[in-house]
Full PDB file with SEQRES, HELIX, SHEET, SSBOND, CRYST1, ORIGX, SCALE, CONECT and MASTER records, all heavy atoms in Angstrom:
SEQRES   1 A   37  LYS LYS LEU LEU GLU GLU GLU TYR LEU LYS GLU VAL PRO          
SEQRES   2 A   37  THR GLY SER PHE GLY PRO TYR HIS VAL PRO GLU GLY HIS          
SEQRES   3 A   37  TYR PHE MET LEU GLY ASP ASN ARG ASN VAL SER                  
CRYST1    1.000    1.000    1.000  90.00  90.00  90.00 P 1           1          
ORIGX1      1.000000  0.000000  0.000000        0.00000                         
ORIGX2      0.000000  1.000000  0.000000        0.00000                         
ORIGX3      0.000000  0.000000  1.000000        0.00000                         
SCALE1      1.000000  0.000000  0.000000        0.00000                         
SCALE2      0.000000  1.000000  0.000000        0.00000                         
SCALE3      0.000000  0.000000  1.000000        0.00000                         
ATOM      1  N   LYS A   1       0.847  -1.194   0.000  1.00  0.00           N  
ATOM      2  CA  LYS A   1       0.000   0.000   0.000  1.00  0.00           C  
ATOM      3  C   LYS A   1       0.880   1.240   0.000  1.00  0.00           C  
ATOM      4  O   LYS A   1       1.798   1.357   0.800  1.00  0.00           O  
ATOM      5  CB  LYS A   1      -0.901   0.021   1.244  1.00  0.00           C  
ATOM      6  CG  LYS A   1      -1.921  -1.073   1.280  1.00  0.00           C  
ATOM      7  CD  LYS A   1      -2.754  -0.978   2.536  1.00  0.00           C  
ATOM      8  CE  LYS A   1      -3.713  -2.151   2.621  1.00  0.00           C  
ATOM      9  NZ  LYS A   1      -4.492  -2.140   3.842  1.00  0.00           N  
ATOM     10  N   LYS A   2       0.556   2.164  -0.888  1.00  0.00           N  
ATOM     11  CA  LYS A   2       1.317   3.407  -0.986  1.00  0.00           C  
ATOM     12  C   LYS A   2       0.429   4.551  -0.510  1.00  0.00           C  
ATOM     13  O   LYS A   2      -0.671   4.753  -1.023  1.00  0.00           O  
ATOM     14  CB  LYS A   2       1.756   3.634  -2.430  1.00  0.00           C  
ATOM     15  CG  LYS A   2       2.581   4.876  -2.622  1.00  0.00           C  
ATOM     16  CD  LYS A   2       3.029   5.014  -4.059  1.00  0.00           C  
ATOM     17  CE  LYS A   2       3.839   6.266  -4.235  1.00  0.00           C  
ATOM     18  NZ  LYS A   2       4.256   6.451  -5.621  1.00  0.00           N  
ATOM     19  N   LEU A   3       0.906   5.316   0.482  1.00  0.00           N  
ATOM     20  CA  LEU A   3       0.170   6.459   1.008  1.00  0.00           C  
ATOM     21  C   LEU A   3       0.178   7.582  -0.019  1.00  0.00           C  
ATOM     22  O   LEU A   3       1.228   7.938  -0.555  1.00  0.00           O  
ATOM     23  CB  LEU A   3       0.792   6.944   2.320  1.00  0.00           C  
ATOM     24  CG  LEU A   3       0.188   8.208   2.932  1.00  0.00           C  
ATOM     25  CD1 LEU A   3      -1.261   7.970   3.341  1.00  0.00           C  
ATOM     26  CD2 LEU A   3       1.014   8.649   4.142  1.00  0.00           C  
ATOM     27  N   LEU A   4      -0.989   8.134  -0.280  1.00  0.00           N  
ATOM     28  CA  LEU A   4      -1.110   9.252  -1.214  1.00  0.00           C  
ATOM     29  C   LEU A   4      -0.874  10.553  -0.460  1.00  0.00           C  
ATOM     30  O   LEU A   4      -1.562  10.843   0.514  1.00  0.00           O  
ATOM     31  CB  LEU A   4      -2.505   9.237  -1.853  1.00  0.00           C  
ATOM     32  CG  LEU A   4      -2.801  10.264  -2.929  1.00  0.00           C  
ATOM     33  CD1 LEU A   4      -1.847  10.103  -4.100  1.00  0.00           C  
ATOM     34  CD2 LEU A   4      -4.233  10.113  -3.404  1.00  0.00           C  
ATOM     35  N   GLU A   5       0.102  11.335  -0.885  1.00  0.00           N  
ATOM     36  CA  GLU A   5       0.384  12.636  -0.284  1.00  0.00           C  
ATOM     37  C   GLU A   5      -0.594  13.649  -0.877  1.00  0.00           C  
ATOM     38  O   GLU A   5      -0.674  13.797  -2.088  1.00  0.00           O  
ATOM     39  CB  GLU A   5       1.825  13.073  -0.569  1.00  0.00           C  
ATOM     40  CG  GLU A   5       2.879  12.153   0.017  1.00  0.00           C  
ATOM     41  CD  GLU A   5       2.893  12.161   1.539  1.00  0.00           C  
ATOM     42  OE1 GLU A   5       2.579  13.206   2.152  1.00  0.00           O  
ATOM     43  OE2 GLU A   5       3.205  11.102   2.121  1.00  0.00           O  
ATOM     44  N   GLU A   6      -1.330  14.354   0.002  1.00  0.00           N  
ATOM     45  CA  GLU A   6      -2.370  15.266  -0.472  1.00  0.00           C  
ATOM     46  C   GLU A   6      -2.275  16.611   0.248  1.00  0.00           C  
ATOM     47  O   GLU A   6      -2.943  16.829   1.252  1.00  0.00           O  
ATOM     48  CB  GLU A   6      -3.751  14.640  -0.240  1.00  0.00           C  
ATOM     49  CG  GLU A   6      -3.951  13.327  -0.956  1.00  0.00           C  
ATOM     50  CD  GLU A   6      -5.333  12.774  -0.750  1.00  0.00           C  
ATOM     51  OE1 GLU A   6      -5.595  12.208   0.331  1.00  0.00           O  
ATOM     52  OE2 GLU A   6      -6.160  12.938  -1.661  1.00  0.00           O  
ATOM     53  N   GLU A   7      -1.490  17.502  -0.294  1.00  0.00           N  
ATOM     54  CA  GLU A   7      -1.295  18.821   0.322  1.00  0.00           C  
ATOM     55  C   GLU A   7      -2.471  19.761   0.099  1.00  0.00           C  
ATOM     56  O   GLU A   7      -2.559  20.814   0.720  1.00  0.00           O  
ATOM     57  CB  GLU A   7      -0.005  19.462  -0.182  1.00  0.00           C  
ATOM     58  CG  GLU A   7      -0.004  19.845  -1.646  1.00  0.00           C  
ATOM     59  CD  GLU A   7       0.201  18.687  -2.623  1.00  0.00           C  
ATOM     60  OE1 GLU A   7       0.597  17.590  -2.216  1.00  0.00           O  
ATOM     61  OE2 GLU A   7      -0.054  18.902  -3.820  1.00  0.00           O  
ATOM     62  N   TYR A   8      -3.411  19.412  -0.746  1.00  0.00           N  
ATOM     63  CA  TYR A   8      -4.541  20.273  -1.090  1.00  0.00           C  
ATOM     64  C   TYR A   8      -5.738  20.114  -0.156  1.00  0.00           C  
ATOM     65  O   TYR A   8      -6.716  20.822  -0.298  1.00  0.00           O  
ATOM     66  CB  TYR A   8      -4.992  19.993  -2.533  1.00  0.00           C  
ATOM     67  CG  TYR A   8      -5.018  18.521  -2.885  1.00  0.00           C  
ATOM     68  CD1 TYR A   8      -6.028  17.687  -2.429  1.00  0.00           C  
ATOM     69  CD2 TYR A   8      -3.997  17.972  -3.649  1.00  0.00           C  
ATOM     70  CE1 TYR A   8      -6.032  16.339  -2.732  1.00  0.00           C  
ATOM     71  CE2 TYR A   8      -3.994  16.627  -3.961  1.00  0.00           C  
ATOM     72  CZ  TYR A   8      -5.010  15.813  -3.505  1.00  0.00           C  
ATOM     73  OH  TYR A   8      -5.014  14.474  -3.800  1.00  0.00           O  
ATOM     74  N   LEU A   9      -5.704  19.187   0.787  1.00  0.00           N  
ATOM     75  CA  LEU A   9      -6.854  18.941   1.661  1.00  0.00           C  
ATOM     76  C   LEU A   9      -7.136  20.126   2.571  1.00  0.00           C  
ATOM     77  O   LEU A   9      -6.215  20.788   3.057  1.00  0.00           O  
ATOM     78  CB  LEU A   9      -6.619  17.690   2.519  1.00  0.00           C  
ATOM     79  CG  LEU A   9      -6.524  16.384   1.751  1.00  0.00           C  
ATOM     80  CD1 LEU A   9      -6.210  15.234   2.699  1.00  0.00           C  
ATOM     81  CD2 LEU A   9      -7.799  16.106   0.981  1.00  0.00           C  
ATOM     82  N   LYS A  10      -8.425  20.387   2.815  1.00  0.00           N  
ATOM     83  CA  LYS A  10      -8.826  21.497   3.677  1.00  0.00           C  
ATOM     84  C   LYS A  10      -8.460  21.225   5.130  1.00  0.00           C  
ATOM     85  O   LYS A  10      -7.958  22.089   5.829  1.00  0.00           O  
ATOM     86  CB  LYS A  10     -10.329  21.755   3.562  1.00  0.00           C  
ATOM     87  CG  LYS A  10     -10.771  22.894   4.463  1.00  0.00           C  
ATOM     88  CD  LYS A  10     -12.226  23.218   4.342  1.00  0.00           C  
ATOM     89  CE  LYS A  10     -12.529  24.390   5.274  1.00  0.00           C  
ATOM     90  NZ  LYS A  10     -13.897  24.785   5.234  1.00  0.00           N  
ATOM     91  N   GLU A  11      -8.761  20.016   5.589  1.00  0.00           N  
ATOM     92  CA  GLU A  11      -8.485  19.639   6.972  1.00  0.00           C  
ATOM     93  C   GLU A  11      -8.193  18.148   7.016  1.00  0.00           C  
ATOM     94  O   GLU A  11      -8.345  17.452   6.023  1.00  0.00           O  
ATOM     95  CB  GLU A  11      -9.680  19.976   7.871  1.00  0.00           C  
ATOM     96  CG  GLU A  11     -10.965  19.279   7.461  1.00  0.00           C  
ATOM     97  CD  GLU A  11     -12.198  19.806   8.179  1.00  0.00           C  
ATOM     98  OE1 GLU A  11     -12.144  20.876   8.782  1.00  0.00           O  
ATOM     99  OE2 GLU A  11     -13.227  19.110   8.115  1.00  0.00           O  
ATOM    100  N   VAL A  12      -7.776  17.668   8.175  1.00  0.00           N  
ATOM    101  CA  VAL A  12      -7.473  16.250   8.316  1.00  0.00           C  
ATOM    102  C   VAL A  12      -8.769  15.446   8.165  1.00  0.00           C  
ATOM    103  O   VAL A  12      -9.711  15.640   8.928  1.00  0.00           O  
ATOM    104  CB  VAL A  12      -6.816  15.957   9.688  1.00  0.00           C  
ATOM    105  CG1 VAL A  12      -6.558  14.466   9.840  1.00  0.00           C  
ATOM    106  CG2 VAL A  12      -5.538  16.761   9.845  1.00  0.00           C  
ATOM    107  N   PRO A  13      -8.834  14.564   7.149  1.00  0.00           N  
ATOM    108  CA  PRO A  13     -10.040  13.768   6.953  1.00  0.00           C  
ATOM    109  C   PRO A  13     -10.170  12.674   8.015  1.00  0.00           C  
ATOM    110  O   PRO A  13      -9.185  12.250   8.609  1.00  0.00           O  
ATOM    111  CB  PRO A  13      -9.866  13.148   5.571  1.00  0.00           C  
ATOM    112  CG  PRO A  13      -8.600  13.645   5.021  1.00  0.00           C  
ATOM    113  CD  PRO A  13      -7.860  14.351   6.093  1.00  0.00           C  
ATOM    114  N   THR A  14     -11.392  12.206   8.201  1.00  0.00           N  
ATOM    115  CA  THR A  14     -11.657  11.124   9.142  1.00  0.00           C  
ATOM    116  C   THR A  14     -12.349   9.982   8.417  1.00  0.00           C  
ATOM    117  O   THR A  14     -12.884  10.163   7.324  1.00  0.00           O  
ATOM    118  CB  THR A  14     -12.550  11.601  10.301  1.00  0.00           C  
ATOM    119  OG1 THR A  14     -13.789  12.079   9.761  1.00  0.00           O  
ATOM    120  CG2 THR A  14     -11.881  12.720  11.089  1.00  0.00           C  
ATOM    121  N   GLY A  15     -12.346   8.810   9.034  1.00  0.00           N  
ATOM    122  CA  GLY A  15     -13.090   7.676   8.511  1.00  0.00           C  
ATOM    123  C   GLY A  15     -12.253   6.699   7.729  1.00  0.00           C  
ATOM    124  O   GLY A  15     -11.175   7.025   7.235  1.00  0.00           O  
ATOM    125  N   SER A  16     -12.777   5.483   7.650  1.00  0.00           N  
ATOM    126  CA  SER A  16     -12.151   4.415   6.878  1.00  0.00           C  
ATOM    127  C   SER A  16     -13.178   3.897   5.878  1.00  0.00           C  
ATOM    128  O   SER A  16     -14.342   3.677   6.233  1.00  0.00           O  
ATOM    129  CB  SER A  16     -11.690   3.294   7.811  1.00  0.00           C  
ATOM    130  OG  SER A  16     -10.677   3.779   8.677  1.00  0.00           O  
ATOM    131  N   PHE A  17     -12.742   3.701   4.634  1.00  0.00           N  
ATOM    132  CA  PHE A  17     -13.629   3.297   3.547  1.00  0.00           C  
ATOM    133  C   PHE A  17     -12.885   2.364   2.609  1.00  0.00           C  
ATOM    134  O   PHE A  17     -11.681   2.479   2.429  1.00  0.00           O  
ATOM    135  CB  PHE A  17     -14.106   4.518   2.748  1.00  0.00           C  
ATOM    136  CG  PHE A  17     -14.753   5.583   3.571  1.00  0.00           C  
ATOM    137  CD1 PHE A  17     -14.010   6.600   4.137  1.00  0.00           C  
ATOM    138  CD2 PHE A  17     -16.125   5.562   3.795  1.00  0.00           C  
ATOM    139  CE1 PHE A  17     -14.609   7.596   4.903  1.00  0.00           C  
ATOM    140  CE2 PHE A  17     -16.737   6.538   4.551  1.00  0.00           C  
ATOM    141  CZ  PHE A  17     -15.974   7.560   5.110  1.00  0.00           C  
ATOM    142  N   GLY A  18     -13.616   1.478   1.985  1.00  0.00           N  
ATOM    143  CA  GLY A  18     -13.029   0.616   0.969  1.00  0.00           C  
ATOM    144  C   GLY A  18     -12.603  -0.721   1.529  1.00  0.00           C  
ATOM    145  O   GLY A  18     -12.992  -1.080   2.634  1.00  0.00           O  
ATOM    146  N   PRO A  19     -11.832  -1.449   0.760  1.00  0.00           N  
ATOM    147  CA  PRO A  19     -11.157  -1.056  -0.479  1.00  0.00           C  
ATOM    148  C   PRO A  19     -12.103  -0.979  -1.678  1.00  0.00           C  
ATOM    149  O   PRO A  19     -13.114  -1.667  -1.730  1.00  0.00           O  
ATOM    150  CB  PRO A  19     -10.122  -2.152  -0.684  1.00  0.00           C  
ATOM    151  CG  PRO A  19     -10.677  -3.349   0.005  1.00  0.00           C  
ATOM    152  CD  PRO A  19     -11.490  -2.821   1.156  1.00  0.00           C  
ATOM    153  N   TYR A  20     -11.725  -0.111  -2.610  1.00  0.00           N  
ATOM    154  CA  TYR A  20     -12.472   0.079  -3.850  1.00  0.00           C  
ATOM    155  C   TYR A  20     -11.596  -0.399  -5.014  1.00  0.00           C  
ATOM    156  O   TYR A  20     -10.496   0.106  -5.205  1.00  0.00           O  
ATOM    157  CB  TYR A  20     -12.819   1.554  -4.052  1.00  0.00           C  
ATOM    158  CG  TYR A  20     -13.635   2.145  -2.932  1.00  0.00           C  
ATOM    159  CD1 TYR A  20     -13.030   2.932  -1.952  1.00  0.00           C  
ATOM    160  CD2 TYR A  20     -14.997   1.933  -2.848  1.00  0.00           C  
ATOM    161  CE1 TYR A  20     -13.780   3.487  -0.924  1.00  0.00           C  
ATOM    162  CE2 TYR A  20     -15.753   2.478  -1.815  1.00  0.00           C  
ATOM    163  CZ  TYR A  20     -15.128   3.258  -0.856  1.00  0.00           C  
ATOM    164  OH  TYR A  20     -15.870   3.797   0.154  1.00  0.00           O  
ATOM    165  N   HIS A  21     -12.094  -1.335  -5.782  1.00  0.00           N  
ATOM    166  CA  HIS A  21     -11.386  -1.865  -6.949  1.00  0.00           C  
ATOM    167  C   HIS A  21     -11.886  -1.092  -8.173  1.00  0.00           C  
ATOM    168  O   HIS A  21     -12.981  -1.348  -8.648  1.00  0.00           O  
ATOM    169  CB  HIS A  21     -11.645  -3.362  -7.092  1.00  0.00           C  
ATOM    170  CG  HIS A  21     -11.159  -4.157  -5.917  1.00  0.00           C  
ATOM    171  ND1 HIS A  21      -9.992  -4.878  -5.954  1.00  0.00           N  
ATOM    172  CD2 HIS A  21     -11.659  -4.310  -4.656  1.00  0.00           C  
ATOM    173  CE1 HIS A  21      -9.807  -5.453  -4.780  1.00  0.00           C  
ATOM    174  NE2 HIS A  21     -10.803  -5.121  -3.968  1.00  0.00           N  
ATOM    175  N   VAL A  22     -11.083  -0.173  -8.658  1.00  0.00           N  
ATOM    176  CA  VAL A  22     -11.504   0.708  -9.757  1.00  0.00           C  
ATOM    177  C   VAL A  22     -11.487  -0.091 -11.066  1.00  0.00           C  
ATOM    178  O   VAL A  22     -10.445  -0.605 -11.471  1.00  0.00           O  
ATOM    179  CB  VAL A  22     -10.584   1.940  -9.863  1.00  0.00           C  
ATOM    180  CG1 VAL A  22     -11.079   2.883 -10.956  1.00  0.00           C  
ATOM    181  CG2 VAL A  22     -10.467   2.663  -8.525  1.00  0.00           C  
ATOM    182  N   PRO A  23     -12.654  -0.205 -11.727  1.00  0.00           N  
ATOM    183  CA  PRO A  23     -12.698  -0.971 -12.987  1.00  0.00           C  
ATOM    184  C   PRO A  23     -11.911  -0.272 -14.105  1.00  0.00           C  
ATOM    185  O   PRO A  23     -11.711   0.942 -14.079  1.00  0.00           O  
ATOM    186  CB  PRO A  23     -14.188  -1.003 -13.347  1.00  0.00           C  
ATOM    187  CG  PRO A  23     -14.933  -0.441 -12.193  1.00  0.00           C  
ATOM    188  CD  PRO A  23     -13.963   0.316 -11.351  1.00  0.00           C  
ATOM    189  N   GLU A  24     -11.496  -1.064 -15.077  1.00  0.00           N  
ATOM    190  CA  GLU A  24     -10.838  -0.490 -16.250  1.00  0.00           C  
ATOM    191  C   GLU A  24     -11.771   0.533 -16.891  1.00  0.00           C  
ATOM    192  O   GLU A  24     -12.987   0.337 -16.924  1.00  0.00           O  
ATOM    193  CB  GLU A  24     -10.470  -1.586 -17.254  1.00  0.00           C  
ATOM    194  CG  GLU A  24      -9.320  -2.463 -16.802  1.00  0.00           C  
ATOM    195  CD  GLU A  24      -8.018  -1.706 -16.560  1.00  0.00           C  
ATOM    196  OE1 GLU A  24      -7.724  -0.720 -17.287  1.00  0.00           O  
ATOM    197  OE2 GLU A  24      -7.282  -2.102 -15.643  1.00  0.00           O  
ATOM    198  N   GLY A  25     -11.214   1.620 -17.377  1.00  0.00           N  
ATOM    199  CA  GLY A  25     -12.001   2.651 -18.041  1.00  0.00           C  
ATOM    200  C   GLY A  25     -12.781   3.546 -17.095  1.00  0.00           C  
ATOM    201  O   GLY A  25     -13.629   4.316 -17.538  1.00  0.00           O  
ATOM    202  N   HIS A  26     -12.502   3.475 -15.778  1.00  0.00           N  
ATOM    203  CA  HIS A  26     -13.216   4.258 -14.774  1.00  0.00           C  
ATOM    204  C   HIS A  26     -12.239   4.917 -13.797  1.00  0.00           C  
ATOM    205  O   HIS A  26     -11.070   4.529 -13.719  1.00  0.00           O  
ATOM    206  CB  HIS A  26     -14.182   3.370 -13.995  1.00  0.00           C  
ATOM    207  CG  HIS A  26     -15.326   2.894 -14.809  1.00  0.00           C  
ATOM    208  ND1 HIS A  26     -15.216   1.890 -15.736  1.00  0.00           N  
ATOM    209  CD2 HIS A  26     -16.622   3.299 -14.845  1.00  0.00           C  
ATOM    210  CE1 HIS A  26     -16.385   1.690 -16.310  1.00  0.00           C  
ATOM    211  NE2 HIS A  26     -17.263   2.527 -15.790  1.00  0.00           N  
ATOM    212  N   TYR A  27     -12.768   5.884 -13.043  1.00  0.00           N  
ATOM    213  CA  TYR A  27     -11.958   6.647 -12.089  1.00  0.00           C  
ATOM    214  C   TYR A  27     -12.703   6.777 -10.761  1.00  0.00           C  
ATOM    215  O   TYR A  27     -13.934   6.798 -10.728  1.00  0.00           O  
ATOM    216  CB  TYR A  27     -11.642   8.034 -12.655  1.00  0.00           C  
ATOM    217  CG  TYR A  27     -10.767   7.946 -13.880  1.00  0.00           C  
ATOM    218  CD1 TYR A  27     -11.321   7.734 -15.144  1.00  0.00           C  
ATOM    219  CD2 TYR A  27      -9.384   8.033 -13.778  1.00  0.00           C  
ATOM    220  CE1 TYR A  27     -10.528   7.612 -16.261  1.00  0.00           C  
ATOM    221  CE2 TYR A  27      -8.579   7.913 -14.894  1.00  0.00           C  
ATOM    222  CZ  TYR A  27      -9.154   7.701 -16.127  1.00  0.00           C  
ATOM    223  OH  TYR A  27      -8.359   7.576 -17.233  1.00  0.00           O  
ATOM    224  N   PHE A  28     -11.923   6.880  -9.685  1.00  0.00           N  
ATOM    225  CA  PHE A  28     -12.457   7.069  -8.332  1.00  0.00           C  
ATOM    226  C   PHE A  28     -12.195   8.523  -7.960  1.00  0.00           C  
ATOM    227  O   PHE A  28     -11.057   8.992  -8.038  1.00  0.00           O  
ATOM    228  CB  PHE A  28     -11.739   6.117  -7.368  1.00  0.00           C  
ATOM    229  CG  PHE A  28     -12.289   6.113  -5.972  1.00  0.00           C  
ATOM    230  CD1 PHE A  28     -13.400   5.349  -5.655  1.00  0.00           C  
ATOM    231  CD2 PHE A  28     -11.688   6.850  -4.967  1.00  0.00           C  
ATOM    232  CE1 PHE A  28     -13.901   5.324  -4.363  1.00  0.00           C  
ATOM    233  CE2 PHE A  28     -12.170   6.831  -3.673  1.00  0.00           C  
ATOM    234  CZ  PHE A  28     -13.290   6.068  -3.369  1.00  0.00           C  
ATOM    235  N   MET A  29     -13.247   9.252  -7.560  1.00  0.00           N  
ATOM    236  CA  MET A  29     -13.164  10.692  -7.313  1.00  0.00           C  
ATOM    237  C   MET A  29     -13.406  11.019  -5.837  1.00  0.00           C  
ATOM    238  O   MET A  29     -14.280  10.428  -5.202  1.00  0.00           O  
ATOM    239  CB  MET A  29     -14.235  11.419  -8.130  1.00  0.00           C  
ATOM    240  CG  MET A  29     -14.256  11.104  -9.589  1.00  0.00           C  
ATOM    241  SD  MET A  29     -12.813  11.757 -10.424  1.00  0.00           S  
ATOM    242  CE  MET A  29     -13.234  11.415 -12.116  1.00  0.00           C  
ATOM    243  N   LEU A  30     -12.663  12.001  -5.333  1.00  0.00           N  
ATOM    244  CA  LEU A  30     -12.880  12.514  -3.983  1.00  0.00           C  
ATOM    245  C   LEU A  30     -12.838  14.036  -4.006  1.00  0.00           C  
ATOM    246  O   LEU A  30     -12.135  14.633  -4.832  1.00  0.00           O  
ATOM    247  CB  LEU A  30     -11.810  12.003  -3.009  1.00  0.00           C  
ATOM    248  CG  LEU A  30     -11.806  10.508  -2.699  1.00  0.00           C  
ATOM    249  CD1 LEU A  30     -10.606  10.147  -1.823  1.00  0.00           C  
ATOM    250  CD2 LEU A  30     -13.099  10.073  -2.034  1.00  0.00           C  
ATOM    251  N   GLY A  31     -13.578  14.653  -3.079  1.00  0.00           N  
ATOM    252  CA  GLY A  31     -13.499  16.094  -2.895  1.00  0.00           C  
ATOM    253  C   GLY A  31     -12.324  16.429  -1.989  1.00  0.00           C  
ATOM    254  O   GLY A  31     -11.862  15.592  -1.214  1.00  0.00           O  
ATOM    255  N   ASP A  32     -11.843  17.660  -2.058  1.00  0.00           N  
ATOM    256  CA  ASP A  32     -10.720  18.086  -1.211  1.00  0.00           C  
ATOM    257  C   ASP A  32     -11.155  18.332   0.227  1.00  0.00           C  
ATOM    258  O   ASP A  32     -10.331  18.303   1.131  1.00  0.00           O  
ATOM    259  CB  ASP A  32     -10.082  19.360  -1.776  1.00  0.00           C  
ATOM    260  CG  ASP A  32      -9.341  19.099  -3.079  1.00  0.00           C  
ATOM    261  OD1 ASP A  32      -9.246  17.928  -3.509  1.00  0.00           O  
ATOM    262  OD2 ASP A  32      -8.844  20.083  -3.672  1.00  0.00           O  
ATOM    263  N   ASN A  33     -12.414  18.597   0.435  1.00  0.00           N  
ATOM    264  CA  ASN A  33     -12.966  18.805   1.777  1.00  0.00           C  
ATOM    265  C   ASN A  33     -13.677  17.506   2.164  1.00  0.00           C  
ATOM    266  O   ASN A  33     -14.894  17.427   2.226  1.00  0.00           O  
ATOM    267  CB  ASN A  33     -13.925  20.002   1.764  1.00  0.00           C  
ATOM    268  CG  ASN A  33     -14.359  20.422   3.143  1.00  0.00           C  
ATOM    269  OD1 ASN A  33     -13.945  19.851   4.148  1.00  0.00           O  
ATOM    270  ND2 ASN A  33     -15.210  21.430   3.194  1.00  0.00           N  
ATOM    271  N   ARG A  34     -12.882  16.476   2.408  1.00  0.00           N  
ATOM    272  CA  ARG A  34     -13.379  15.104   2.554  1.00  0.00           C  
ATOM    273  C   ARG A  34     -14.467  14.926   3.603  1.00  0.00           C  
ATOM    274  O   ARG A  34     -15.337  14.081   3.466  1.00  0.00           O  
ATOM    275  CB  ARG A  34     -12.238  14.149   2.922  1.00  0.00           C  
ATOM    276  CG  ARG A  34     -11.119  14.120   1.950  1.00  0.00           C  
ATOM    277  CD  ARG A  34     -11.386  13.136   0.816  1.00  0.00           C  
ATOM    278  NE  ARG A  34     -10.572  13.480  -0.317  1.00  0.00           N  
ATOM    279  CZ  ARG A  34      -9.295  13.185  -0.436  1.00  0.00           C  
ATOM    280  NH1 ARG A  34      -8.680  12.505   0.499  1.00  0.00           N  
ATOM    281  NH2 ARG A  34      -8.633  13.564  -1.499  1.00  0.00           N  
ATOM    282  N   ASN A  35     -14.411  15.677   4.681  1.00  0.00           N  
ATOM    283  CA  ASN A  35     -15.357  15.457   5.775  1.00  0.00           C  
ATOM    284  C   ASN A  35     -16.779  15.895   5.426  1.00  0.00           C  
ATOM    285  O   ASN A  35     -17.716  15.531   6.135  1.00  0.00           O  
ATOM    286  CB  ASN A  35     -14.869  16.136   7.051  1.00  0.00           C  
ATOM    287  CG  ASN A  35     -13.581  15.498   7.553  1.00  0.00           C  
ATOM    288  OD1 ASN A  35     -13.351  14.301   7.387  1.00  0.00           O  
ATOM    289  ND2 ASN A  35     -12.716  16.289   8.158  1.00  0.00           N  
ATOM    290  N   VAL A  36     -16.953  16.663   4.350  1.00  0.00           N  
ATOM    291  CA  VAL A  36     -18.304  17.079   3.935  1.00  0.00           C  
ATOM    292  C   VAL A  36     -18.613  16.716   2.482  1.00  0.00           C  
ATOM    293  O   VAL A  36     -19.715  16.968   2.015  1.00  0.00           O  
ATOM    294  CB  VAL A  36     -18.528  18.604   4.139  1.00  0.00           C  
ATOM    295  CG1 VAL A  36     -18.344  18.985   5.587  1.00  0.00           C  
ATOM    296  CG2 VAL A  36     -17.628  19.418   3.242  1.00  0.00           C  
ATOM    297  N   SER A  37     -17.673  16.113   1.775  1.00  0.00           N  
ATOM    298  CA  SER A  37     -17.834  15.858   0.346  1.00  0.00           C  
ATOM    299  C   SER A  37     -18.692  14.628   0.059  1.00  0.00           C  
ATOM    300  O   SER A  37     -18.480  13.563   0.628  1.00  0.00           O  
ATOM    301  CB  SER A  37     -16.458  15.673  -0.303  1.00  0.00           C  
ATOM    302  OG  SER A  37     -16.598  15.427  -1.680  1.00  0.00           O  
TER     303      SER A  37                                                      
MASTER        0    0    0    0    0    0    0    6  302    1    0    3          
END                                                                             
């Protein structure tokens, strides 16, 4: 597992989710304000 460095986040996010297996031809999206996105 490789930690994603994210300097653009508004605040420290909380919670645990996944794992998500991204299908071919698709993308997984997150907002920068994770706690309300």
